[in-house]
Amino acid sequence: MTVLIFALFLLLLLILSLRKRRCRVISVFGSRGIAETELSPEGIVLIDGEAFLARSSVELPRGTCVTVVGTDGPLLLVQQEG
């Protein structure tokens, strides 16, 4: 009986964790960040101190300020600010 309760508890934690991840991607839409690596066209951007894989339609050097304009699967789509 204890094992069943523990297994259900772990399942609940897994579901909540996955739900948070989906919301996090939606919540970064429109966020501003900085290119941690060169985006040529893919690289890493930092948003609120957290690293994300990102893609840009043009090559951007490291340190460029970017805005999230969408997603493509696990990648954030970004463009240069301004």
N, C-alpha and C. Protein backbone atom coordinates (compact mmCIF):
# COMPACT_ATOMS: atom_id res chain seq x y z
N MET A 1 0.83 -1.19 0.00
CA MET A 1 0.00 0.00 0.00
C MET A 1 0.88 1.26 0.00
N THR A 2 1.94 1.27 0.79
CA THR A 2 2.84 2.42 0.86
C THR A 2 3.51 2.67 -0.48
N VAL A 3 3.87 1.58 -1.16
CA VAL A 3 4.52 1.70 -2.47
C VAL A 3 3.56 2.33 -3.47
N LEU A 4 2.31 1.97 -3.45
CA LEU A 4 1.30 2.52 -4.35
C LEU A 4 1.13 4.02 -4.11
N ILE A 5 1.06 4.43 -2.87
CA ILE A 5 0.91 5.85 -2.55
C ILE A 5 2.14 6.63 -3.02
N PHE A 6 3.32 6.08 -2.79
CA PHE A 6 4.55 6.72 -3.23
C PHE A 6 4.59 6.84 -4.76
N ALA A 7 4.17 5.80 -5.46
CA ALA A 7 4.15 5.82 -6.93
C ALA A 7 3.18 6.87 -7.44
N LEU A 8 2.03 7.00 -6.83
CA LEU A 8 1.06 8.02 -7.23
C LEU A 8 1.60 9.43 -6.97
N PHE A 9 2.29 9.59 -5.86
CA PHE A 9 2.90 10.87 -5.54
C PHE A 9 3.94 11.26 -6.60
N LEU A 10 4.79 10.31 -7.00
CA LEU A 10 5.79 10.57 -8.04
C LEU A 10 5.14 10.90 -9.38
N LEU A 11 4.05 10.22 -9.70
CA LEU A 11 3.33 10.50 -10.93
C LEU A 11 2.76 11.92 -10.92
N LEU A 12 2.22 12.32 -9.80
CA LEU A 12 1.69 13.68 -9.67
C LEU A 12 2.81 14.71 -9.85
N LEU A 13 3.97 14.48 -9.27
CA LEU A 13 5.09 15.40 -9.43
C LEU A 13 5.54 15.48 -10.89
N LEU A 14 5.55 14.36 -11.57
CA LEU A 14 5.93 14.33 -12.98
C LEU A 14 4.96 15.15 -13.82
N ILE A 15 3.68 14.97 -13.60
CA ILE A 15 2.66 15.70 -14.35
C ILE A 15 2.79 17.19 -14.11
N LEU A 16 2.97 17.59 -12.85
CA LEU A 16 3.12 19.01 -12.55
C LEU A 16 4.38 19.59 -13.17
N SER A 17 5.45 18.83 -13.20
CA SER A 17 6.70 19.28 -13.80
C SER A 17 6.53 19.51 -15.30
N LEU A 18 5.89 18.59 -15.98
CA LEU A 18 5.67 18.72 -17.42
C LEU A 18 4.75 19.90 -17.72
N ARG A 19 3.76 20.10 -16.92
CA ARG A 19 2.82 21.21 -17.12
C ARG A 19 3.57 22.55 -16.98
N LYS A 20 4.46 22.66 -16.01
CA LYS A 20 5.24 23.89 -15.83
C LYS A 20 6.12 24.16 -17.03
N ARG A 21 6.70 23.15 -17.62
CA ARG A 21 7.58 23.35 -18.76
C ARG A 21 6.81 23.92 -19.95
N ARG A 22 5.62 23.44 -20.20
CA ARG A 22 4.84 23.98 -21.31
C ARG A 22 4.51 25.44 -21.07
N CYS A 23 4.14 25.78 -19.87
CA CYS A 23 3.79 27.16 -19.54
C CYS A 23 5.00 28.07 -19.64
N ARG A 24 6.16 27.57 -19.29
CA ARG A 24 7.36 28.39 -19.33
C ARG A 24 7.67 28.85 -20.75
N VAL A 25 7.50 27.97 -21.72
CA VAL A 25 7.78 28.34 -23.10
C VAL A 25 6.80 29.42 -23.56
N ILE A 26 5.54 29.27 -23.22
CA ILE A 26 4.54 30.27 -23.59
C ILE A 26 4.85 31.59 -22.91
N SER A 27 5.30 31.55 -21.67
CA SER A 27 5.53 32.78 -20.93
C SER A 27 6.75 33.55 -21.42
N VAL A 28 7.66 32.95 -22.17
CA VAL A 28 8.82 33.68 -22.66
C VAL A 28 8.54 34.39 -23.98
N PHE A 29 7.40 34.15 -24.60
CA PHE A 29 7.05 34.82 -25.84
C PHE A 29 7.03 36.34 -25.60
N GLY A 30 7.79 37.06 -26.40
CA GLY A 30 7.88 38.51 -26.23
C GLY A 30 8.96 38.95 -25.25
N SER A 31 9.59 37.98 -24.58
CA SER A 31 10.64 38.30 -23.61
C SER A 31 11.90 38.77 -24.32
N ARG A 32 12.68 39.55 -23.60
CA ARG A 32 13.96 40.03 -24.12
C ARG A 32 15.08 39.24 -23.48
N GLY A 33 16.12 39.01 -24.25
CA GLY A 33 17.27 38.26 -23.76
C GLY A 33 18.53 38.69 -24.46
N ILE A 34 19.58 37.92 -24.25
CA ILE A 34 20.87 38.22 -24.86
C ILE A 34 21.46 36.93 -25.41
N ALA A 35 22.09 37.04 -26.58
CA ALA A 35 22.72 35.87 -27.21
C ALA A 35 23.97 35.50 -26.41
N GLU A 36 23.95 34.33 -25.80
CA GLU A 36 25.09 33.84 -25.04
C GLU A 36 26.17 33.29 -25.99
N THR A 37 25.72 32.76 -27.12
CA THR A 37 26.63 32.29 -28.16
C THR A 37 26.21 32.94 -29.47
N GLU A 38 27.05 32.82 -30.48
CA GLU A 38 26.68 33.31 -31.81
C GLU A 38 25.48 32.50 -32.30
N LEU A 39 24.51 33.18 -32.88
CA LEU A 39 23.36 32.49 -33.47
C LEU A 39 23.62 32.42 -34.97
N SER A 40 23.95 31.21 -35.47
CA SER A 40 24.32 31.09 -36.88
C SER A 40 23.75 29.83 -37.53
N PRO A 41 22.51 29.61 -37.68
CA PRO A 41 21.39 30.41 -37.18
C PRO A 41 20.95 30.00 -35.77
N GLU A 42 21.50 28.88 -35.23
CA GLU A 42 21.08 28.43 -33.91
C GLU A 42 22.17 28.67 -32.88
N GLY A 43 21.74 28.84 -31.63
CA GLY A 43 22.68 29.04 -30.54
C GLY A 43 21.94 29.09 -29.22
N ILE A 44 22.55 29.71 -28.23
CA ILE A 44 21.96 29.78 -26.90
C ILE A 44 21.71 31.23 -26.54
N VAL A 45 20.52 31.49 -25.99
CA VAL A 45 20.18 32.82 -25.48
C VAL A 45 19.87 32.72 -24.00
N LEU A 46 20.14 33.78 -23.28
CA LEU A 46 19.81 33.87 -21.86
C LEU A 46 18.62 34.79 -21.69
N ILE A 47 17.60 34.28 -20.99
CA ILE A 47 16.41 35.06 -20.67
C ILE A 47 16.20 34.94 -19.18
N ASP A 48 16.25 36.05 -18.49
CA ASP A 48 16.14 36.07 -17.03
C ASP A 48 17.13 35.10 -16.39
N GLY A 49 18.33 35.03 -16.95
CA GLY A 49 19.37 34.19 -16.39
C GLY A 49 19.26 32.72 -16.71
N GLU A 50 18.28 32.32 -17.52
CA GLU A 50 18.08 30.92 -17.88
C GLU A 50 18.43 30.71 -19.35
N ALA A 51 19.16 29.64 -19.66
CA ALA A 51 19.62 29.36 -21.02
C ALA A 51 18.56 28.61 -21.82
N PHE A 52 18.37 29.04 -23.06
CA PHE A 52 17.44 28.39 -23.99
C PHE A 52 18.12 28.21 -25.34
N LEU A 53 17.78 27.13 -26.05
CA LEU A 53 18.21 26.97 -27.43
C LEU A 53 17.34 27.89 -28.28
N ALA A 54 17.97 28.59 -29.23
CA ALA A 54 17.23 29.55 -30.03
C ALA A 54 17.72 29.54 -31.47
N ARG A 55 16.87 30.06 -32.35
CA ARG A 55 17.20 30.18 -33.78
C ARG A 55 16.84 31.58 -34.24
N SER A 56 17.69 32.13 -35.09
CA SER A 56 17.44 33.43 -35.68
C SER A 56 17.43 33.28 -37.20
N SER A 57 16.68 34.14 -37.88
CA SER A 57 16.63 34.07 -39.34
C SER A 57 17.89 34.66 -39.98
N VAL A 58 18.63 35.45 -39.18
CA VAL A 58 19.90 36.00 -39.65
C VAL A 58 20.97 35.70 -38.61
N GLU A 59 22.22 35.70 -39.03
CA GLU A 59 23.32 35.43 -38.12
C GLU A 59 23.47 36.61 -37.15
N LEU A 60 23.55 36.29 -35.85
CA LEU A 60 23.70 37.32 -34.82
C LEU A 60 24.93 37.01 -33.97
N PRO A 61 25.76 38.02 -33.69
CA PRO A 61 26.94 37.77 -32.85
C PRO A 61 26.58 37.61 -31.39
N ARG A 62 27.48 37.02 -30.63
CA ARG A 62 27.33 36.86 -29.19
C ARG A 62 27.17 38.26 -28.57
N GLY A 63 26.26 38.36 -27.59
CA GLY A 63 26.04 39.63 -26.91
C GLY A 63 24.92 40.47 -27.49
N THR A 64 24.32 40.02 -28.60
CA THR A 64 23.23 40.75 -29.23
C THR A 64 21.96 40.65 -28.38
N CYS A 65 21.26 41.77 -28.22
CA CYS A 65 19.97 41.76 -27.52
C CYS A 65 18.91 41.24 -28.47
N VAL A 66 18.11 40.28 -28.00
CA VAL A 66 17.10 39.63 -28.84
C VAL A 66 15.74 39.65 -28.15
N THR A 67 14.69 39.44 -28.97
CA THR A 67 13.32 39.30 -28.49
C THR A 67 12.76 37.98 -29.01
N VAL A 68 12.05 37.26 -28.16
CA VAL A 68 11.42 35.99 -28.56
C VAL A 68 10.17 36.30 -29.36
N VAL A 69 10.09 35.76 -30.60
CA VAL A 69 8.95 36.01 -31.48
C VAL A 69 8.14 34.76 -31.76
N GLY A 70 8.58 33.60 -31.28
CA GLY A 70 7.84 32.36 -31.51
C GLY A 70 8.63 31.15 -31.06
N THR A 71 8.11 29.99 -31.41
CA THR A 71 8.77 28.73 -31.09
C THR A 71 8.73 27.82 -32.31
N ASP A 72 9.66 26.88 -32.35
CA ASP A 72 9.69 25.83 -33.37
C ASP A 72 10.12 24.56 -32.65
N GLY A 73 9.14 23.83 -32.13
CA GLY A 73 9.44 22.67 -31.32
C GLY A 73 10.14 23.14 -30.06
N PRO A 74 11.32 22.58 -29.77
CA PRO A 74 12.03 22.97 -28.54
C PRO A 74 12.81 24.27 -28.66
N LEU A 75 12.90 24.83 -29.87
CA LEU A 75 13.68 26.05 -30.09
C LEU A 75 12.83 27.30 -29.96
N LEU A 76 13.44 28.35 -29.41
CA LEU A 76 12.81 29.66 -29.42
C LEU A 76 13.23 30.37 -30.70
N LEU A 77 12.31 31.06 -31.33
CA LEU A 77 12.62 31.86 -32.50
C LEU A 77 12.82 33.29 -32.01
N VAL A 78 13.97 33.86 -32.35
CA VAL A 78 14.30 35.20 -31.85
C VAL A 78 14.68 36.12 -33.00
N GLN A 79 14.57 37.42 -32.73
CA GLN A 79 15.06 38.41 -33.67
C GLN A 79 15.78 39.49 -32.89
N GLN A 80 16.65 40.19 -33.57
CA GLN A 80 17.42 41.25 -32.94
C GLN A 80 16.49 42.38 -32.54
N GLU A 81 16.71 42.94 -31.35
CA GLU A 81 15.91 44.07 -30.90
C GLU A 81 16.22 45.28 -31.77
N GLY A 82 15.19 46.11 -31.93
CA GLY A 82 15.41 47.37 -32.65
C GLY A 82 15.12 47.30 -34.05
